[in-house]
Amino acid sequence: MEWEAMIAVVSAISGIALGWLGRARTVKEDMTKEVEAGATLQTDVEYIKRGVDDIKVDLRMQGQRVDGLSERVTRVEESTKQAHKRLDKLEEK
């Protein structure tokens, strides 16, 4: 019976060891997947940040264009107003 008991103990210990090694490998694989997912997420966030920064720059440039056009429209309106006054004077004569 000693041999049977020894075989049972060795089998139990080897089963525990194999189970432990399998679990350790699974944990490493899970960690690797989590790190890859985190890196992908960080890359995506950086890409979005750059896109937002580009949009901000474009928006500023568009604002400057609108300001420039607004000034030009104001000048044209003033010029038109003066031209109408001159035309009114010519019509009176």
PDB file of N, CA and C in Angstrom:
ATOM      1  N   MET A   1       0.797  -1.189   0.000  1.00  0.00           N
ATOM      2  CA  MET A   1       0.000   0.000   0.000  1.00  0.00           C
ATOM      3  C   MET A   1       0.837   1.249   0.000  1.00  0.00           C
ATOM      4  N   GLU A   2       2.051   1.136   0.389  1.00  0.00           N
ATOM      5  CA  GLU A   2       2.915   2.314   0.416  1.00  0.00           C
ATOM      6  C   GLU A   2       3.108   2.885  -0.971  1.00  0.00           C
ATOM      7  N   TRP A   3       3.275   2.001  -1.958  1.00  0.00           N
ATOM      8  CA  TRP A   3       3.488   2.492  -3.327  1.00  0.00           C
ATOM      9  C   TRP A   3       2.252   3.206  -3.842  1.00  0.00           C
ATOM     10  N   GLU A   4       1.111   2.703  -3.537  1.00  0.00           N
ATOM     11  CA  GLU A   4      -0.130   3.323  -3.991  1.00  0.00           C
ATOM     12  C   GLU A   4      -0.318   4.698  -3.343  1.00  0.00           C
ATOM     13  N   ALA A   5       0.016   4.794  -2.084  1.00  0.00           N
ATOM     14  CA  ALA A   5      -0.091   6.069  -1.373  1.00  0.00           C
ATOM     15  C   ALA A   5       0.913   7.066  -1.939  1.00  0.00           C
ATOM     16  N   MET A   6       2.138   6.588  -2.231  1.00  0.00           N
ATOM     17  CA  MET A   6       3.184   7.461  -2.792  1.00  0.00           C
ATOM     18  C   MET A   6       2.761   7.948  -4.177  1.00  0.00           C
ATOM     19  N   ILE A   7       2.181   7.063  -4.972  1.00  0.00           N
ATOM     20  CA  ILE A   7       1.743   7.438  -6.317  1.00  0.00           C
ATOM     21  C   ILE A   7       0.608   8.463  -6.218  1.00  0.00           C
ATOM     22  N   ALA A   8      -0.284   8.285  -5.263  1.00  0.00           N
ATOM     23  CA  ALA A   8      -1.395   9.219  -5.072  1.00  0.00           C
ATOM     24  C   ALA A   8      -0.883  10.597  -4.653  1.00  0.00           C
ATOM     25  N   VAL A   9       0.087  10.612  -3.747  1.00  0.00           N
ATOM     26  CA  VAL A   9       0.660  11.879  -3.275  1.00  0.00           C
ATOM     27  C   VAL A   9       1.397  12.571  -4.415  1.00  0.00           C
ATOM     28  N   VAL A  10       2.212  11.833  -5.172  1.00  0.00           N
ATOM     29  CA  VAL A  10       2.959  12.401  -6.299  1.00  0.00           C
ATOM     30  C   VAL A  10       1.980  12.921  -7.358  1.00  0.00           C
ATOM     31  N   SER A  11       0.940  12.175  -7.607  1.00  0.00           N
ATOM     32  CA  SER A  11      -0.073  12.597  -8.580  1.00  0.00           C
ATOM     33  C   SER A  11      -0.747  13.886  -8.123  1.00  0.00           C
ATOM     34  N   ALA A  12      -1.083  13.959  -6.858  1.00  0.00           N
ATOM     35  CA  ALA A  12      -1.738  15.158  -6.325  1.00  0.00           C
ATOM     36  C   ALA A  12      -0.805  16.362  -6.414  1.00  0.00           C
ATOM     37  N   ILE A  13       0.448  16.158  -6.047  1.00  0.00           N
ATOM     38  CA  ILE A  13       1.421  17.261  -6.100  1.00  0.00           C
ATOM     39  C   ILE A  13       1.655  17.700  -7.539  1.00  0.00           C
ATOM     40  N   SER A  14       1.791  16.735  -8.462  1.00  0.00           N
ATOM     41  CA  SER A  14       2.012  17.105  -9.861  1.00  0.00           C
ATOM     42  C   SER A  14       0.767  17.792 -10.426  1.00  0.00           C
ATOM     43  N   GLY A  15      -0.406  17.379 -10.017  1.00  0.00           N
ATOM     44  CA  GLY A  15      -1.637  18.039 -10.453  1.00  0.00           C
ATOM     45  C   GLY A  15      -1.697  19.481  -9.970  1.00  0.00           C
ATOM     46  N   ILE A  16      -1.318  19.677  -8.720  1.00  0.00           N
ATOM     47  CA  ILE A  16      -1.289  21.037  -8.170  1.00  0.00           C
ATOM     48  C   ILE A  16      -0.266  21.884  -8.918  1.00  0.00           C
ATOM     49  N   ALA A  17       0.922  21.317  -9.164  1.00  0.00           N
ATOM     50  CA  ALA A  17       1.975  22.057  -9.855  1.00  0.00           C
ATOM     51  C   ALA A  17       1.544  22.416 -11.277  1.00  0.00           C
ATOM     52  N   LEU A  18       0.980  21.465 -11.999  1.00  0.00           N
ATOM     53  CA  LEU A  18       0.526  21.741 -13.364  1.00  0.00           C
ATOM     54  C   LEU A  18      -0.601  22.775 -13.370  1.00  0.00           C
ATOM     55  N   GLY A  19      -1.496  22.666 -12.429  1.00  0.00           N
ATOM     56  CA  GLY A  19      -2.580  23.660 -12.317  1.00  0.00           C
ATOM     57  C   GLY A  19      -2.026  25.047 -12.044  1.00  0.00           C
ATOM     58  N   TRP A  20      -1.060  25.111 -11.159  1.00  0.00           N
ATOM     59  CA  TRP A  20      -0.442  26.400 -10.814  1.00  0.00           C
ATOM     60  C   TRP A  20       0.264  26.992 -12.024  1.00  0.00           C
ATOM     61  N   LEU A  21       1.016  26.177 -12.753  1.00  0.00           N
ATOM     62  CA  LEU A  21       1.713  26.663 -13.945  1.00  0.00           C
ATOM     63  C   LEU A  21       0.725  27.135 -15.013  1.00  0.00           C
ATOM     64  N   GLY A  22      -0.351  26.387 -15.195  1.00  0.00           N
ATOM     65  CA  GLY A  22      -1.377  26.799 -16.163  1.00  0.00           C
ATOM     66  C   GLY A  22      -2.018  28.119 -15.775  1.00  0.00           C
ATOM     67  N   ARG A  23      -2.304  28.286 -14.503  1.00  0.00           N
ATOM     68  CA  ARG A  23      -2.892  29.537 -14.031  1.00  0.00           C
ATOM     69  C   ARG A  23      -1.926  30.687 -14.192  1.00  0.00           C
ATOM     70  N   ALA A  24      -0.659  30.462 -13.891  1.00  0.00           N
ATOM     71  CA  ALA A  24       0.344  31.514 -14.045  1.00  0.00           C
ATOM     72  C   ALA A  24       0.441  31.951 -15.503  1.00  0.00           C
ATOM     73  N   ARG A  25       0.397  30.996 -16.414  1.00  0.00           N
ATOM     74  CA  ARG A  25       0.460  31.328 -17.841  1.00  0.00           C
ATOM     75  C   ARG A  25      -0.768  32.129 -18.260  1.00  0.00           C
ATOM     76  N   THR A  26      -1.926  31.735 -17.779  1.00  0.00           N
ATOM     77  CA  THR A  26      -3.163  32.454 -18.095  1.00  0.00           C
ATOM     78  C   THR A  26      -3.107  33.883 -17.572  1.00  0.00           C
ATOM     79  N   VAL A  27      -2.587  34.056 -16.378  1.00  0.00           N
ATOM     80  CA  VAL A  27      -2.469  35.400 -15.802  1.00  0.00           C
ATOM     81  C   VAL A  27      -1.533  36.250 -16.658  1.00  0.00           C
ATOM     82  N   LYS A  28      -0.415  35.682 -17.106  1.00  0.00           N
ATOM     83  CA  LYS A  28       0.516  36.427 -17.963  1.00  0.00           C
ATOM     84  C   LYS A  28      -0.150  36.818 -19.271  1.00  0.00           C
ATOM     85  N   GLU A  29      -0.887  35.913 -19.872  1.00  0.00           N
ATOM     86  CA  GLU A  29      -1.585  36.210 -21.136  1.00  0.00           C
ATOM     87  C   GLU A  29      -2.621  37.305 -20.931  1.00  0.00           C
ATOM     88  N   ASP A  30      -3.351  37.234 -19.816  1.00  0.00           N
ATOM     89  CA  ASP A  30      -4.353  38.262 -19.527  1.00  0.00           C
ATOM     90  C   ASP A  30      -3.694  39.623 -19.331  1.00  0.00           C
ATOM     91  N   MET A  31      -2.568  39.640 -18.639  1.00  0.00           N
ATOM     92  CA  MET A  31      -1.845  40.900 -18.423  1.00  0.00           C
ATOM     93  C   MET A  31      -1.372  41.472 -19.758  1.00  0.00           C
ATOM     94  N   THR A  32      -0.862  40.606 -20.620  1.00  0.00           N
ATOM     95  CA  THR A  32      -0.394  41.046 -21.930  1.00  0.00           C
ATOM     96  C   THR A  32      -1.538  41.653 -22.730  1.00  0.00           C
ATOM     97  N   LYS A  33      -2.697  41.003 -22.707  1.00  0.00           N
ATOM     98  CA  LYS A  33      -3.862  41.526 -23.430  1.00  0.00           C
ATOM     99  C   LYS A  33      -4.305  42.870 -22.859  1.00  0.00           C
ATOM    100  N   GLU A  34      -4.289  43.005 -21.539  1.00  0.00           N
ATOM    101  CA  GLU A  34      -4.679  44.265 -20.914  1.00  0.00           C
ATOM    102  C   GLU A  34      -3.716  45.383 -21.278  1.00  0.00           C
ATOM    103  N   VAL A  35      -2.425  45.074 -21.306  1.00  0.00           N
ATOM    104  CA  VAL A  35      -1.426  46.081 -21.666  1.00  0.00           C
ATOM    105  C   VAL A  35      -1.610  46.503 -23.118  1.00  0.00           C
ATOM    106  N   GLU A  36      -1.842  45.535 -23.994  1.00  0.00           N
ATOM    107  CA  GLU A  36      -2.073  45.865 -25.402  1.00  0.00           C
ATOM    108  C   GLU A  36      -3.322  46.725 -25.565  1.00  0.00           C
ATOM    109  N   ALA A  37      -4.375  46.380 -24.851  1.00  0.00           N
ATOM    110  CA  ALA A  37      -5.613  47.160 -24.931  1.00  0.00           C
ATOM    111  C   ALA A  37      -5.391  48.570 -24.398  1.00  0.00           C
ATOM    112  N   GLY A  38      -4.634  48.684 -23.314  1.00  0.00           N
ATOM    113  CA  GLY A  38      -4.323  50.005 -22.749  1.00  0.00           C
ATOM    114  C   GLY A  38      -3.496  50.846 -23.707  1.00  0.00           C
ATOM    115  N   ALA A  39      -2.530  50.222 -24.368  1.00  0.00           N
ATOM    116  CA  ALA A  39      -1.690  50.944 -25.327  1.00  0.00           C
ATOM    117  C   ALA A  39      -2.523  51.399 -26.520  1.00  0.00           C
ATOM    118  N   THR A  40      -3.403  50.539 -26.990  1.00  0.00           N
ATOM    119  CA  THR A  40      -4.275  50.910 -28.107  1.00  0.00           C
ATOM    120  C   THR A  40      -5.180  52.061 -27.713  1.00  0.00           C
ATOM    121  N   LEU A  41      -5.742  51.991 -26.534  1.00  0.00           N
ATOM    122  CA  LEU A  41      -6.620  53.055 -26.048  1.00  0.00           C
ATOM    123  C   LEU A  41      -5.863  54.375 -25.940  1.00  0.00           C
ATOM    124  N   GLN A  42      -4.659  54.322 -25.403  1.00  0.00           N
ATOM    125  CA  GLN A  42      -3.860  55.539 -25.260  1.00  0.00           C
ATOM    126  C   GLN A  42      -3.528  56.119 -26.628  1.00  0.00           C
ATOM    127  N   THR A  43      -3.195  55.267 -27.589  1.00  0.00           N
ATOM    128  CA  THR A  43      -2.904  55.737 -28.939  1.00  0.00           C
ATOM    129  C   THR A  43      -4.128  56.402 -29.547  1.00  0.00           C
ATOM    130  N   ASP A  44      -5.291  55.800 -29.355  1.00  0.00           N
ATOM    131  CA  ASP A  44      -6.527  56.377 -29.877  1.00  0.00           C
ATOM    132  C   ASP A  44      -6.819  57.735 -29.241  1.00  0.00           C
ATOM    133  N   VAL A  45      -6.606  57.840 -27.945  1.00  0.00           N
ATOM    134  CA  VAL A  45      -6.841  59.110 -27.245  1.00  0.00           C
ATOM    135  C   VAL A  45      -5.885  60.184 -27.769  1.00  0.00           C
ATOM    136  N   GLU A  46      -4.632  59.828 -27.986  1.00  0.00           N
ATOM    137  CA  GLU A  46      -3.660  60.788 -28.524  1.00  0.00           C
ATOM    138  C   GLU A  46      -4.089  61.253 -29.913  1.00  0.00           C
ATOM    139  N   TYR A  47      -4.581  60.329 -30.732  1.00  0.00           N
ATOM    140  CA  TYR A  47      -5.046  60.671 -32.068  1.00  0.00           C
ATOM    141  C   TYR A  47      -6.223  61.644 -31.989  1.00  0.00           C
ATOM    142  N   ILE A  48      -7.138  61.387 -31.076  1.00  0.00           N
ATOM    143  CA  ILE A  48      -8.288  62.272 -30.899  1.00  0.00           C
ATOM    144  C   ILE A  48      -7.827  63.647 -30.417  1.00  0.00           C
ATOM    145  N   LYS A  49      -6.867  63.686 -29.499  1.00  0.00           N
ATOM    146  CA  LYS A  49      -6.351  64.964 -29.004  1.00  0.00           C
ATOM    147  C   LYS A  49      -5.749  65.787 -30.138  1.00  0.00           C
ATOM    148  N   ARG A  50      -4.981  65.127 -30.997  1.00  0.00           N
ATOM    149  CA  ARG A  50      -4.388  65.851 -32.130  1.00  0.00           C
ATOM    150  C   ARG A  50      -5.477  66.379 -33.054  1.00  0.00           C
ATOM    151  N   GLY A  51      -6.516  65.583 -33.267  1.00  0.00           N
ATOM    152  CA  GLY A  51      -7.626  66.027 -34.102  1.00  0.00           C
ATOM    153  C   GLY A  51      -8.330  67.237 -33.510  1.00  0.00           C
ATOM    154  N   VAL A  52      -8.554  67.215 -32.205  1.00  0.00           N
ATOM    155  CA  VAL A  52      -9.194  68.350 -31.531  1.00  0.00           C
ATOM    156  C   VAL A  52      -8.313  69.589 -31.637  1.00  0.00           C
ATOM    157  N   ASP A  53      -7.012  69.427 -31.465  1.00  0.00           N
ATOM    158  CA  ASP A  53      -6.094  70.556 -31.596  1.00  0.00           C
ATOM    159  C   ASP A  53      -6.140  71.131 -33.008  1.00  0.00           C
ATOM    160  N   ASP A  54      -6.194  70.271 -34.015  1.00  0.00           N
ATOM    161  CA  ASP A  54      -6.298  70.740 -35.401  1.00  0.00           C
ATOM    162  C   ASP A  54      -7.599  71.509 -35.617  1.00  0.00           C
ATOM    163  N   ILE A  55      -8.674  71.010 -35.039  1.00  0.00           N
ATOM    164  CA  ILE A  55      -9.964  71.691 -35.174  1.00  0.00           C
ATOM    165  C   ILE A  55      -9.911  73.065 -34.502  1.00  0.00           C
ATOM    166  N   LYS A  56      -9.262  73.150 -33.347  1.00  0.00           N
ATOM    167  CA  LYS A  56      -9.138  74.445 -32.658  1.00  0.00           C
ATOM    168  C   LYS A  56      -8.380  75.450 -33.522  1.00  0.00           C
ATOM    169  N   VAL A  57      -7.290  75.000 -34.131  1.00  0.00           N
ATOM    170  CA  VAL A  57      -6.505  75.890 -34.997  1.00  0.00           C
ATOM    171  C   VAL A  57      -7.351  76.341 -36.181  1.00  0.00           C
ATOM    172  N   ASP A  58      -8.063  75.415 -36.802  1.00  0.00           N
ATOM    173  CA  ASP A  58      -8.931  75.763 -37.931  1.00  0.00           C
ATOM    174  C   ASP A  58     -10.014  76.746 -37.504  1.00  0.00           C
ATOM    175  N   LEU A  59     -10.566  76.551 -36.323  1.00  0.00           N
ATOM    176  CA  LEU A  59     -11.614  77.429 -35.820  1.00  0.00           C
ATOM    177  C   LEU A  59     -11.071  78.840 -35.597  1.00  0.00           C
ATOM    178  N   ARG A  60      -9.864  78.949 -35.046  1.00  0.00           N
ATOM    179  CA  ARG A  60      -9.245  80.268 -34.860  1.00  0.00           C
ATOM    180  C   ARG A  60      -9.032  80.965 -36.195  1.00  0.00           C
ATOM    181  N   MET A  61      -8.526  80.206 -37.163  1.00  0.00           N
ATOM    182  CA  MET A  61      -8.296  80.786 -38.483  1.00  0.00           C
ATOM    183  C   MET A  61      -9.614  81.241 -39.104  1.00  0.00           C
ATOM    184  N   GLN A  62     -10.657  80.436 -38.946  1.00  0.00           N
ATOM    185  CA  GLN A  62     -11.969  80.795 -39.480  1.00  0.00           C
ATOM    186  C   GLN A  62     -12.485  82.053 -38.792  1.00  0.00           C
ATOM    187  N   GLY A  63     -12.281  82.171 -37.501  1.00  0.00           N
ATOM    188  CA  GLY A  63     -12.683  83.376 -36.761  1.00  0.00           C
ATOM    189  C   GLY A  63     -11.964  84.608 -37.277  1.00  0.00           C
ATOM    190  N   GLN A  64     -10.661  84.463 -37.567  1.00  0.00           N
ATOM    191  CA  GLN A  64      -9.905  85.587 -38.109  1.00  0.00           C
ATOM    192  C   GLN A  64     -10.436  85.980 -39.483  1.00  0.00           C
ATOM    193  N   ARG A  65     -10.779  84.998 -40.292  1.00  0.00           N
ATOM    194  CA  ARG A  65     -11.343  85.301 -41.611  1.00  0.00           C
ATOM    195  C   ARG A  65     -12.672  86.046 -41.481  1.00  0.00           C
ATOM    196  N   VAL A  66     -13.511  85.607 -40.553  1.00  0.00           N
ATOM    197  CA  VAL A  66     -14.797  86.265 -40.343  1.00  0.00           C
ATOM    198  C   VAL A  66     -14.580  87.699 -39.872  1.00  0.00           C
ATOM    199  N   ASP A  67     -13.629  87.884 -38.966  1.00  0.00           N
ATOM    200  CA  ASP A  67     -13.327  89.244 -38.498  1.00  0.00           C
ATOM    201  C   ASP A  67     -12.870  90.128 -39.652  1.00  0.00           C
ATOM    202  N   GLY A  68     -12.004  89.604 -40.496  1.00  0.00           N
ATOM    203  CA  GLY A  68     -11.532  90.365 -41.660  1.00  0.00           C
ATOM    204  C   GLY A  68     -12.660  90.712 -42.604  1.00  0.00           C
ATOM    205  N   LEU A  69     -13.532  89.742 -42.863  1.00  0.00           N
ATOM    206  CA  LEU A  69     -14.674  90.014 -43.737  1.00  0.00           C
ATOM    207  C   LEU A  69     -15.631  91.022 -43.107  1.00  0.00           C
ATOM    208  N   SER A  70     -15.799  90.943 -41.809  1.00  0.00           N
ATOM    209  CA  SER A  70     -16.672  91.882 -41.112  1.00  0.00           C
ATOM    210  C   SER A  70     -16.150  93.302 -41.267  1.00  0.00           C
ATOM    211  N   GLU A  71     -14.850  93.487 -41.118  1.00  0.00           N
ATOM    212  CA  GLU A  71     -14.251  94.809 -41.304  1.00  0.00           C
ATOM    213  C   GLU A  71     -14.445  95.290 -42.733  1.00  0.00           C
ATOM    214  N   ARG A  72     -14.244  94.402 -43.688  1.00  0.00           N
ATOM    215  CA  ARG A  72     -14.406  94.790 -45.092  1.00  0.00           C
ATOM    216  C   ARG A  72     -15.852  95.164 -45.400  1.00  0.00           C
ATOM    217  N   VAL A  73     -16.809  94.431 -44.866  1.00  0.00           N
ATOM    218  CA  VAL A  73     -18.220  94.739 -45.091  1.00  0.00           C
ATOM    219  C   VAL A  73     -18.560  96.097 -44.485  1.00  0.00           C
ATOM    220  N   THR A  74     -18.025  96.365 -43.307  1.00  0.00           N
ATOM    221  CA  THR A  74     -18.267  97.664 -42.673  1.00  0.00           C
ATOM    222  C   THR A  74     -17.746  98.795 -43.553  1.00  0.00           C
ATOM    223  N   ARG A  75     -16.535  98.632 -44.091  1.00  0.00           N
ATOM    224  CA  ARG A  75     -15.963  99.658 -44.975  1.00  0.00           C
ATOM    225  C   ARG A  75     -16.806  99.833 -46.239  1.00  0.00           C
ATOM    226  N   VAL A  76     -17.263  98.713 -46.796  1.00  0.00           N
ATOM    227  CA  VAL A  76     -18.085  98.791 -48.007  1.00  0.00           C
ATOM    228  C   VAL A  76     -19.402  99.493 -47.699  1.00  0.00           C
ATOM    229  N   GLU A  77     -20.002  99.200 -46.558  1.00  0.00           N
ATOM    230  CA  GLU A  77     -21.244  99.865 -46.184  1.00  0.00           C
ATOM    231  C   GLU A  77     -21.040 101.366 -46.028  1.00  0.00           C
ATOM    232  N   GLU A  78     -19.938 101.758 -45.402  1.00  0.00           N
ATOM    233  CA  GLU A  78     -19.634 103.186 -45.243  1.00  0.00           C
ATOM    234  C   GLU A  78     -19.423 103.846 -46.601  1.00  0.00           C
ATOM    235  N   SER A  79     -18.693 103.167 -47.458  1.00  0.00           N
ATOM    236  CA  SER A  79     -18.441 103.706 -48.792  1.00  0.00           C
ATOM    237  C   SER A  79     -19.737 103.841 -49.578  1.00  0.00           C
ATOM    238  N   THR A  80     -20.599 102.854 -49.461  1.00  0.00           N
ATOM    239  CA  THR A  80     -21.883 102.894 -50.153  1.00  0.00           C
ATOM    240  C   THR A  80     -22.740 104.040 -49.636  1.00  0.00           C
ATOM    241  N   LYS A  81     -22.720 104.228 -48.329  1.00  0.00           N
ATOM    242  CA  LYS A  81     -23.491 105.309 -47.720  1.00  0.00           C
ATOM    243  C   LYS A  81     -23.015 106.665 -48.247  1.00  0.00           C
ATOM    244  N   GLN A  82     -21.700 106.828 -48.335  1.00  0.00           N
ATOM    245  CA  GLN A  82     -21.149 108.074 -48.865  1.00  0.00           C
ATOM    246  C   GLN A  82     -21.502 108.239 -50.336  1.00  0.00           C
ATOM    247  N   ALA A  83     -21.463 107.152 -51.072  1.00  0.00           N
ATOM    248  CA  ALA A  83     -21.795 107.226 -52.496  1.00  0.00           C
ATOM    249  C   ALA A  83     -23.260 107.628 -52.680  1.00  0.00           C
ATOM    250  N   HIS A  84     -24.138 107.095 -51.846  1.00  0.00           N
ATOM    251  CA  HIS A  84     -25.558 107.451 -51.936  1.00  0.00           C
ATOM    252  C   HIS A  84     -25.753 108.934 -51.637  1.00  0.00           C
ATOM    253  N   LYS A  85     -25.005 109.446 -50.665  1.00  0.00           N
ATOM    254  CA  LYS A  85     -25.110 110.871 -50.349  1.00  0.00           C
ATOM    255  C   LYS A  85     -24.665 111.703 -51.542  1.00  0.00           C
ATOM    256  N   ARG A  86     -23.577 111.305 -52.197  1.00  0.00           N
ATOM    257  CA  ARG A  86     -23.097 112.062 -53.365  1.00  0.00           C
ATOM    258  C   ARG A  86     -24.111 111.990 -54.501  1.00  0.00           C
ATOM    259  N   LEU A  87     -24.699 110.809 -54.688  1.00  0.00           N
ATOM    260  CA  LEU A  87     -25.715 110.679 -55.735  1.00  0.00           C
ATOM    261  C   LEU A  87     -26.944 111.544 -55.428  1.00  0.00           C
ATOM    262  N   ASP A  88     -27.343 111.590 -54.170  1.00  0.00           N
ATOM    263  CA  ASP A  88     -28.474 112.419 -53.785  1.00  0.00           C
ATOM    264  C   ASP A  88     -28.178 113.891 -54.073  1.00  0.00           C
ATOM    265  N   LYS A  89     -26.946 114.331 -53.805  1.00  0.00           N
ATOM    266  CA  LYS A  89     -26.566 115.712 -54.089  1.00  0.00           C
ATOM    267  C   LYS A  89     -26.600 115.984 -55.585  1.00  0.00           C
ATOM    268  N   LEU A  90     -26.148 115.020 -56.371  1.00  0.00           N
ATOM    269  CA  LEU A  90     -26.161 115.191 -57.832  1.00  0.00           C
ATOM    270  C   LEU A  90     -27.589 115.263 -58.363  1.00  0.00           C
ATOM    271  N   GLU A  91     -28.484 114.480 -57.783  1.00  0.00           N
ATOM    272  CA  GLU A  91     -29.880 114.499 -58.222  1.00  0.00           C
ATOM    273  C   GLU A  91     -30.547 115.834 -57.888  1.00  0.00           C
ATOM    274  N   GLU A  92     -30.137 116.444 -56.756  1.00  0.00           N
ATOM    275  CA  GLU A  92     -30.708 117.709 -56.358  1.00  0.00           C
ATOM    276  C   GLU A  92     -30.297 118.814 -57.322  1.00  0.00           C
ATOM    277  N   LYS A  93     -29.128 118.714 -57.902  1.00  0.00           N
ATOM    278  CA  LYS A  93     -28.645 119.757 -58.819  1.00  0.00           C
ATOM    279  C   LYS A  93     -29.302 119.602 -60.122  1.00  0.00           C
TER     280      LYS A  93
END
